[in-house]
């Protein structure tokens, strides 16, 4: 079988959509008006992705506040926040350019999703002529909603984690039931867990193994046949063309990440200085049998933070180099990260989100072409 390709999930939101999010936060338009702009951007995303030759398409997360907060708030500013949450939670990440992203804070139980990803899948199924995939958020990210120290009165941490795992399982199952062929779980907090950033206390708590164990509490509820189409995405962040944990040695994550019993991984690599080492680590730690499923390594061959478009030949050569360490039957091609994981992102290195959107489509098209070239050279 030729080398498969798959995008992570998000695409830059058009500036008109970003302005609509602001207008909604300011009370100048209602939610129906915001949804109209979301739907326009979603349809455009699907059509343009289909034109690139991408095997699976998404709406580019145009309807989501962010990859992490779509279940619990309508906007990043907290408009439409779900029950039992306040807006003053801990930082998720502090990025290298100095900006940060903050999570809400859980104030009580029970914890329940406000929005499930199946809502997006159903709408996308009606628009798409190709199979649809959906990205969802990991329980390891949302566990950071609970205060880092102490416990909430009448709602223990373990009660919260039980509820959280149930909601994430429901999110994944409902996405498949709505028609998604693939579901990938965003796990960008994995590398960040080893940063030890004094400004961001949770990164000092050595939580990586706890994250992995919690994620497997959900993943292990699915059969091997189901887990073939459940993936994990990892990257060192990709917001406002900046990162949050690229300086953390990759082996700290990759030596443990493949404990997750999923069928595939979307792995940032194109922006790494030592790509060969990433290929080697993936070949060393990925498993032929992860509780009944082989683990396919989709290697990042596109850097969404850089406006320079990779050529198909560059993509081909990166995949051929990876194939020296990863069995070709367990090798895929992806992008390092979503192109805009948060709904408000002006893409400063690109000049505008609209230009970044055009660049993203060129990059995805060249990834598809480069994967086909590598497959031909490998004879698969």
Protein backbone atom coordinates (compact mmCIF):
# COMPACT_ATOMS: atom_id res chain seq x y z
CA UNK A 1 0.00 0.00 0.00
CA UNK A 2 1.35 3.51 -0.82
CA UNK A 3 2.47 5.74 2.05
CA UNK A 4 -0.74 7.19 3.55
CA UNK A 5 -1.14 10.89 4.29
CA UNK A 6 -3.29 12.65 6.88
CA UNK A 7 -3.58 16.21 8.12
CA UNK A 8 -3.66 16.95 11.84
CA UNK A 9 -6.86 18.98 11.82
CA UNK A 10 -6.86 22.77 11.93
CA UNK A 11 -6.47 25.35 9.18
CA UNK A 12 -6.09 29.13 9.56
CA UNK A 13 -9.45 30.82 10.06
CA UNK A 14 -10.18 33.55 7.49
CA UNK A 15 -9.90 37.04 8.94
CA UNK A 16 -13.62 37.55 8.33
CA UNK A 17 -14.36 34.59 10.62
CA UNK A 18 -11.93 35.83 13.27
CA UNK A 19 -13.67 39.22 13.18
CA UNK A 20 -16.99 37.43 13.65
CA UNK A 21 -15.66 35.70 16.77
CA UNK A 22 -14.70 39.12 18.13
CA UNK A 23 -18.09 40.58 17.24
CA UNK A 24 -19.81 37.70 19.02
CA UNK A 25 -17.68 38.24 22.14
CA UNK A 26 -18.56 41.95 21.99
CA UNK A 27 -22.29 41.22 21.74
CA UNK A 28 -22.56 42.78 18.28
CA UNK A 29 -23.80 39.60 16.58
CA UNK A 30 -25.66 36.53 17.84
CA UNK A 31 -24.48 32.92 17.76
CA UNK A 32 -26.45 32.20 14.59
CA UNK A 33 -24.51 34.91 12.76
CA UNK A 34 -21.23 33.48 14.02
CA UNK A 35 -22.30 30.02 12.85
CA UNK A 36 -23.02 31.38 9.37
CA UNK A 37 -19.40 32.52 9.05
CA UNK A 38 -18.14 29.26 10.55
CA UNK A 39 -20.16 27.25 8.04
CA UNK A 40 -18.85 29.29 5.09
CA UNK A 41 -15.23 28.77 6.21
CA UNK A 42 -15.85 25.08 6.89
CA UNK A 43 -17.27 24.46 3.43
CA UNK A 44 -14.38 26.32 1.81
CA UNK A 45 -11.90 24.25 3.86
CA UNK A 46 -13.44 20.96 2.77
CA UNK A 47 -13.60 21.92 -0.90
CA UNK A 48 -10.00 23.11 -0.98
CA UNK A 49 -8.72 20.07 0.90
CA UNK A 50 -10.45 17.80 -1.58
CA UNK A 51 -8.66 19.64 -4.39
CA UNK A 52 -5.25 18.89 -2.82
CA UNK A 53 -5.83 15.15 -3.12
CA UNK A 54 -5.86 14.66 0.64
CA UNK A 55 -7.38 11.27 1.51
CA UNK A 56 -9.36 12.44 4.56
CA UNK A 57 -10.85 15.91 4.90
CA UNK A 58 -11.95 18.09 7.81
CA UNK A 59 -13.52 21.50 8.25
CA UNK A 60 -10.17 22.80 9.49
CA UNK A 61 -11.74 23.28 12.96
CA UNK A 62 -13.43 26.46 11.72
CA UNK A 63 -16.35 25.87 14.10
CA UNK A 64 -14.16 25.34 17.18
CA UNK A 65 -12.89 27.85 19.74
CA UNK A 66 -9.70 25.79 19.77
CA UNK A 67 -8.49 22.22 19.50
CA UNK A 68 -8.56 22.03 23.32
CA UNK A 69 -11.62 24.02 24.34
CA UNK A 70 -14.27 23.14 21.73
CA UNK A 71 -16.18 20.92 24.24
CA UNK A 72 -16.47 23.61 26.90
CA UNK A 73 -16.70 27.11 25.39
CA UNK A 74 -17.91 28.82 22.23
CA UNK A 75 -15.00 31.27 22.06
CA UNK A 76 -11.51 31.67 23.47
CA UNK A 77 -12.70 34.68 25.45
CA UNK A 78 -15.09 32.42 27.34
CA UNK A 79 -18.40 33.39 25.74
CA UNK A 80 -20.68 30.41 26.15
CA UNK A 81 -18.60 28.73 28.86
CA UNK A 82 -19.97 25.36 30.03
CA UNK A 83 -21.45 24.78 33.48
CA UNK A 84 -19.18 24.47 36.53
CA UNK A 85 -16.32 26.37 34.91
CA UNK A 86 -14.77 29.80 35.50
CA UNK A 87 -12.48 31.67 33.13
CA UNK A 88 -9.50 32.06 35.47
CA UNK A 89 -7.78 28.67 35.16
CA UNK A 90 -4.10 27.88 34.84
CA UNK A 91 -2.04 28.48 31.74
CA UNK A 92 -1.97 25.65 29.27
CA UNK A 93 1.20 27.00 27.70
CA UNK A 94 3.51 30.00 27.54
CA UNK A 95 4.93 30.28 24.04
CA UNK A 96 8.42 31.29 22.99
CA UNK A 97 7.24 34.69 21.69
CA UNK A 98 5.83 35.48 25.16
CA UNK A 99 2.08 35.03 24.55
CA UNK A 100 0.12 32.45 26.50
CA UNK A 101 -3.07 30.41 26.31
CA UNK A 102 -5.16 29.92 29.43
CA UNK A 103 -7.62 27.20 30.35
CA UNK A 104 -10.86 27.60 32.32
CA UNK A 105 -11.01 26.43 35.94
CA UNK A 106 -13.32 23.73 37.21
CA UNK A 107 -15.46 25.00 40.11
CA UNK A 108 -17.59 21.94 40.83
CA UNK A 109 -19.10 18.77 39.50
CA UNK A 110 -20.23 17.01 37.55
CA UNK A 111 -17.97 17.72 34.57
CA UNK A 112 -19.85 17.52 31.29
CA UNK A 113 -19.09 18.47 27.71
CA UNK A 114 -21.21 21.24 26.25
CA UNK A 115 -20.34 20.34 22.65
CA UNK A 116 -19.27 17.03 21.13
CA UNK A 117 -17.15 16.73 17.98
CA UNK A 118 -19.86 14.63 16.34
CA UNK A 119 -21.74 17.89 15.78
CA UNK A 120 -18.96 18.99 13.40
CA UNK A 121 -18.68 15.56 11.78
CA UNK A 122 -22.38 15.49 10.91
CA UNK A 123 -22.16 18.87 9.21
CA UNK A 124 -18.96 17.93 7.38
CA UNK A 125 -20.38 14.62 6.17
CA UNK A 126 -23.13 16.55 4.40
CA UNK A 127 -20.53 18.68 2.57
CA UNK A 128 -17.69 16.27 1.80
CA UNK A 129 -17.13 14.03 -1.18
CA UNK A 130 -14.24 12.27 0.57
CA UNK A 131 -13.98 10.43 3.90
CA UNK A 132 -14.04 12.70 6.93
CA UNK A 133 -11.67 12.66 9.90
CA UNK A 134 -12.03 14.46 13.21
CA UNK A 135 -9.53 15.58 15.82
CA UNK A 136 -10.56 15.46 19.49
CA UNK A 137 -8.90 16.60 22.68
CA UNK A 138 -7.11 14.23 25.06
CA UNK A 139 -8.24 13.75 28.64
CA UNK A 140 -4.68 14.64 29.66
CA UNK A 141 -5.26 18.22 28.49
CA UNK A 142 -8.64 18.63 30.15
CA UNK A 143 -7.42 17.17 33.44
CA UNK A 144 -5.65 20.54 33.80
CA UNK A 145 -9.07 22.12 34.38
CA UNK A 146 -8.97 20.72 37.91
CA UNK A 147 -6.95 22.86 40.37
CA UNK A 148 -3.35 21.69 40.57
CA UNK A 149 -3.34 21.64 44.36
CA UNK A 150 -6.11 20.55 46.72
CA UNK A 151 -9.55 19.22 45.91
CA UNK A 152 -12.90 20.78 45.03
CA UNK A 153 -15.50 20.44 47.77
CA UNK A 154 -17.85 17.50 47.14
CA UNK A 155 -16.09 16.64 43.86
CA UNK A 156 -12.85 14.72 44.23
CA UNK A 157 -10.14 14.59 41.61
CA UNK A 158 -10.90 10.90 40.98
CA UNK A 159 -14.61 11.64 40.50
CA UNK A 160 -13.63 14.29 37.98
CA UNK A 161 -11.27 11.95 36.12
CA UNK A 162 -13.98 9.28 35.94
CA UNK A 163 -16.40 11.80 34.46
CA UNK A 164 -13.72 13.17 32.12
CA UNK A 165 -12.83 9.74 30.72
CA UNK A 166 -16.51 9.01 30.13
CA UNK A 167 -16.95 12.28 28.22
CA UNK A 168 -13.84 11.71 26.05
CA UNK A 169 -14.93 8.16 25.25
CA UNK A 170 -18.35 9.47 24.27
CA UNK A 171 -16.72 12.16 22.12
CA UNK A 172 -14.72 9.58 20.17
CA UNK A 173 -17.55 7.05 19.81
CA UNK A 174 -20.04 9.66 18.69
CA UNK A 175 -17.56 11.01 16.11
CA UNK A 176 -17.28 7.53 14.59
CA UNK A 177 -21.04 7.03 14.78
CA UNK A 178 -21.56 10.31 12.94
CA UNK A 179 -19.40 9.04 10.08
CA UNK A 180 -15.78 9.91 10.84
CA UNK A 181 -13.39 7.35 9.37
CA UNK A 182 -10.46 8.46 11.52
CA UNK A 183 -10.26 10.16 14.92
CA UNK A 184 -6.98 11.62 16.15
CA UNK A 185 -6.42 12.73 19.74
CA UNK A 186 -4.44 15.94 20.25
CA UNK A 187 -1.63 15.45 22.79
CA UNK A 188 0.53 18.58 22.49
CA UNK A 189 0.85 18.69 26.29
CA UNK A 190 3.02 15.56 26.13
CA UNK A 191 6.29 17.28 25.29
CA UNK A 192 5.40 20.32 27.38
CA UNK A 193 5.09 18.08 30.45
CA UNK A 194 8.89 17.90 30.58
CA UNK A 195 9.58 21.63 30.21
CA UNK A 196 9.88 22.57 33.92
CA UNK A 197 8.83 26.17 33.28
CA UNK A 198 8.75 28.06 36.58
CA UNK A 199 6.10 30.41 35.15
CA UNK A 200 3.74 27.49 34.50
CA UNK A 201 3.55 25.25 37.59
CA UNK A 202 1.99 22.13 36.06
CA UNK A 203 5.05 21.68 33.82
CA UNK A 204 7.12 21.13 36.99
CA UNK A 205 5.03 18.18 38.21
CA UNK A 206 6.53 15.39 36.07
CA UNK A 207 3.07 14.53 34.72
CA UNK A 208 3.95 12.74 31.45
CA UNK A 209 3.42 9.19 32.73
CA UNK A 210 0.23 10.31 34.47
CA UNK A 211 -0.96 11.78 31.16
CA UNK A 212 -0.19 8.56 29.28
CA UNK A 213 -1.91 6.37 31.85
CA UNK A 214 -5.00 8.58 31.83
CA UNK A 215 -5.20 8.59 28.05
CA UNK A 216 -4.93 4.80 27.99
CA UNK A 217 -7.87 4.64 30.42
CA UNK A 218 -9.93 5.90 27.50
CA UNK A 219 -8.10 4.26 24.60
CA UNK A 220 -8.28 0.80 26.18
CA UNK A 221 -12.08 0.99 26.14
CA UNK A 222 -11.93 0.48 22.36
CA UNK A 223 -11.38 -2.76 20.46
CA UNK A 224 -8.26 -3.40 18.36
CA UNK A 225 -10.35 -2.93 15.21
CA UNK A 226 -11.52 0.48 16.45
CA UNK A 227 -8.05 1.52 17.63
CA UNK A 228 -6.61 1.02 14.12
CA UNK A 229 -8.35 4.28 13.24
CA UNK A 230 -7.64 6.14 16.49
CA UNK A 231 -4.47 8.20 16.48
CA UNK A 232 -2.38 10.47 18.69
CA UNK A 233 -0.93 13.78 17.57
CA UNK A 234 2.11 15.33 19.22
CA UNK A 235 3.95 18.59 18.61
CA UNK A 236 5.73 21.34 20.59
CA UNK A 237 2.90 23.78 19.92
CA UNK A 238 1.99 25.82 16.88
CA UNK A 239 0.15 29.05 17.75
CA UNK A 240 0.75 32.53 16.32
CA UNK A 241 3.65 30.92 14.43
CA UNK A 242 5.38 30.14 17.74
CA UNK A 243 6.08 27.01 19.82
CA UNK A 244 6.03 26.19 23.53
CA UNK A 245 8.34 23.21 24.13
CA UNK A 246 10.63 22.56 21.17
CA UNK A 247 13.71 22.84 23.39
CA UNK A 248 12.62 19.83 25.46
CA UNK A 249 14.63 16.75 24.36
CA UNK A 250 12.30 14.76 22.12
CA UNK A 251 13.41 11.40 23.48
CA UNK A 252 11.81 12.22 26.84
CA UNK A 253 8.45 12.04 25.08
CA UNK A 254 9.08 9.52 22.30
CA UNK A 255 10.52 6.93 24.66
CA UNK A 256 7.15 6.82 26.46
CA UNK A 257 4.55 8.01 23.97
CA UNK A 258 4.26 4.68 22.16
CA UNK A 259 2.88 3.14 25.37
CA UNK A 260 -0.40 4.62 24.12
CA UNK A 261 -2.31 1.74 22.54
CA UNK A 262 -3.46 3.51 19.38
CA UNK A 263 -3.06 2.51 15.76
CA UNK A 264 -1.25 5.58 14.51
CA UNK A 265 0.68 8.68 15.52
CA UNK A 266 0.95 12.11 13.85
CA UNK A 267 4.48 13.16 14.82
CA UNK A 268 6.06 16.60 14.48
CA UNK A 269 9.44 16.33 12.74
CA UNK A 270 9.88 18.75 9.82
CA UNK A 271 10.87 21.61 12.15
CA UNK A 272 13.36 19.48 14.11
CA UNK A 273 17.05 20.18 13.60
CA UNK A 274 17.93 16.48 13.92
CA UNK A 275 15.27 14.75 11.87
CA UNK A 276 17.28 11.55 11.60
CA UNK A 277 17.16 11.14 15.36
CA UNK A 278 13.36 11.42 15.32
CA UNK A 279 13.13 8.73 12.63
CA UNK A 280 15.43 6.52 14.70
CA UNK A 281 13.47 7.03 17.92
CA UNK A 282 10.17 6.30 16.19
CA UNK A 283 11.60 3.13 14.71
CA UNK A 284 13.02 2.12 18.08
CA UNK A 285 9.98 2.75 20.28
CA UNK A 286 6.92 2.27 18.04
CA UNK A 287 5.36 -1.16 18.32
CA UNK A 288 4.39 -3.78 15.76
CA UNK A 289 1.80 -5.01 18.25
CA UNK A 290 0.23 -2.45 20.59
CA UNK A 291 -2.33 -4.63 22.30
CA UNK A 292 -3.54 -5.96 18.98
CA UNK A 293 -2.74 -3.11 16.56
CA UNK A 294 0.43 -2.14 14.66
CA UNK A 295 1.48 1.46 15.24
CA UNK A 296 1.84 3.55 12.07
CA UNK A 297 4.16 6.56 12.35
CA UNK A 298 2.93 9.51 10.29
CA UNK A 299 6.06 11.65 10.13
CA UNK A 300 5.74 15.43 9.97
CA UNK A 301 7.19 16.49 6.63
CA UNK A 302 5.57 19.96 6.53
CA UNK A 303 6.23 22.88 8.89
CA UNK A 304 3.00 24.90 9.30
CA UNK A 305 4.81 27.74 11.08
CA UNK A 306 7.05 28.55 8.10
CA UNK A 307 5.51 30.29 5.07
CA UNK A 308 8.12 28.73 2.76
CA UNK A 309 6.40 25.90 0.89
CA UNK A 310 8.15 22.53 0.95
CA UNK A 311 8.59 20.95 -2.48
CA UNK A 312 7.30 17.46 -3.29
CA UNK A 313 10.93 16.40 -3.67
CA UNK A 314 11.76 17.56 -0.14
CA UNK A 315 8.79 15.60 1.18
CA UNK A 316 9.87 12.53 -0.77
CA UNK A 317 13.43 12.70 0.53
CA UNK A 318 12.30 13.05 4.15
CA UNK A 319 10.07 10.00 3.84
CA UNK A 320 12.80 7.96 2.17
CA UNK A 321 15.15 8.87 5.05
CA UNK A 322 12.47 7.89 7.57
CA UNK A 323 11.95 4.56 5.80
CA UNK A 324 15.51 3.57 6.73
CA UNK A 325 14.38 3.43 10.37
CA UNK A 326 10.61 2.82 10.23
CA UNK A 327 9.18 -0.16 8.30
CA UNK A 328 7.54 1.25 5.13
CA UNK A 329 4.28 -0.53 5.94
CA UNK A 330 4.14 1.48 9.19
CA UNK A 331 5.14 4.84 7.69
CA UNK A 332 2.86 7.77 6.86
CA UNK A 333 3.15 11.48 6.07
CA UNK A 334 1.60 14.40 7.95
CA UNK A 335 2.16 18.01 8.96
CA UNK A 336 4.01 18.96 12.14
CA UNK A 337 0.94 20.49 13.73
CA UNK A 338 -2.44 21.88 12.91
CA UNK A 339 -2.02 25.05 10.88
CA UNK A 340 -3.94 27.17 13.46
CA UNK A 341 -5.05 25.27 16.57
CA UNK A 342 -6.67 28.37 18.11
CA UNK A 343 -9.51 30.30 16.47
CA UNK A 344 -7.85 33.69 16.98
CA UNK A 345 -4.47 33.51 15.22
CA UNK A 346 -3.23 36.22 12.88
CA UNK A 347 -0.27 34.10 11.66
CA UNK A 348 2.33 36.91 12.04
CA UNK A 349 5.12 35.22 10.05
CA UNK A 350 2.73 34.83 7.15
CA UNK A 351 1.37 38.38 7.17
CA UNK A 352 -2.27 37.40 7.42
CA UNK A 353 -4.41 34.34 8.14
CA UNK A 354 -5.91 34.51 4.64
CA UNK A 355 -2.47 34.25 3.02
CA UNK A 356 -1.55 31.52 5.52
CA UNK A 357 -4.65 29.61 4.43
CA UNK A 358 -3.49 29.68 0.81
CA UNK A 359 0.00 28.57 1.83
CA UNK A 360 -1.44 25.71 3.89
CA UNK A 361 -3.23 24.29 0.86
CA UNK A 362 -0.05 24.45 -1.21
CA UNK A 363 1.88 22.66 1.52
CA UNK A 364 -0.76 19.94 1.89
CA UNK A 365 -0.88 19.40 -1.87
CA UNK A 366 2.89 19.00 -2.01
CA UNK A 367 2.80 16.57 0.93
CA UNK A 368 0.36 14.39 -0.98
CA UNK A 369 2.53 14.54 -4.13
CA UNK A 370 5.75 13.86 -2.22
CA UNK A 371 4.26 10.84 -0.46
CA UNK A 372 3.25 9.40 -3.82
CA UNK A 373 6.79 9.95 -5.14
CA UNK A 374 8.33 8.24 -2.11
CA UNK A 375 5.91 5.33 -2.44
CA UNK A 376 6.90 4.86 -6.06
CA UNK A 377 10.60 4.89 -5.21
CA UNK A 378 10.06 2.36 -2.41
CA UNK A 379 7.96 0.19 -4.69
CA UNK A 380 4.92 0.16 -2.42
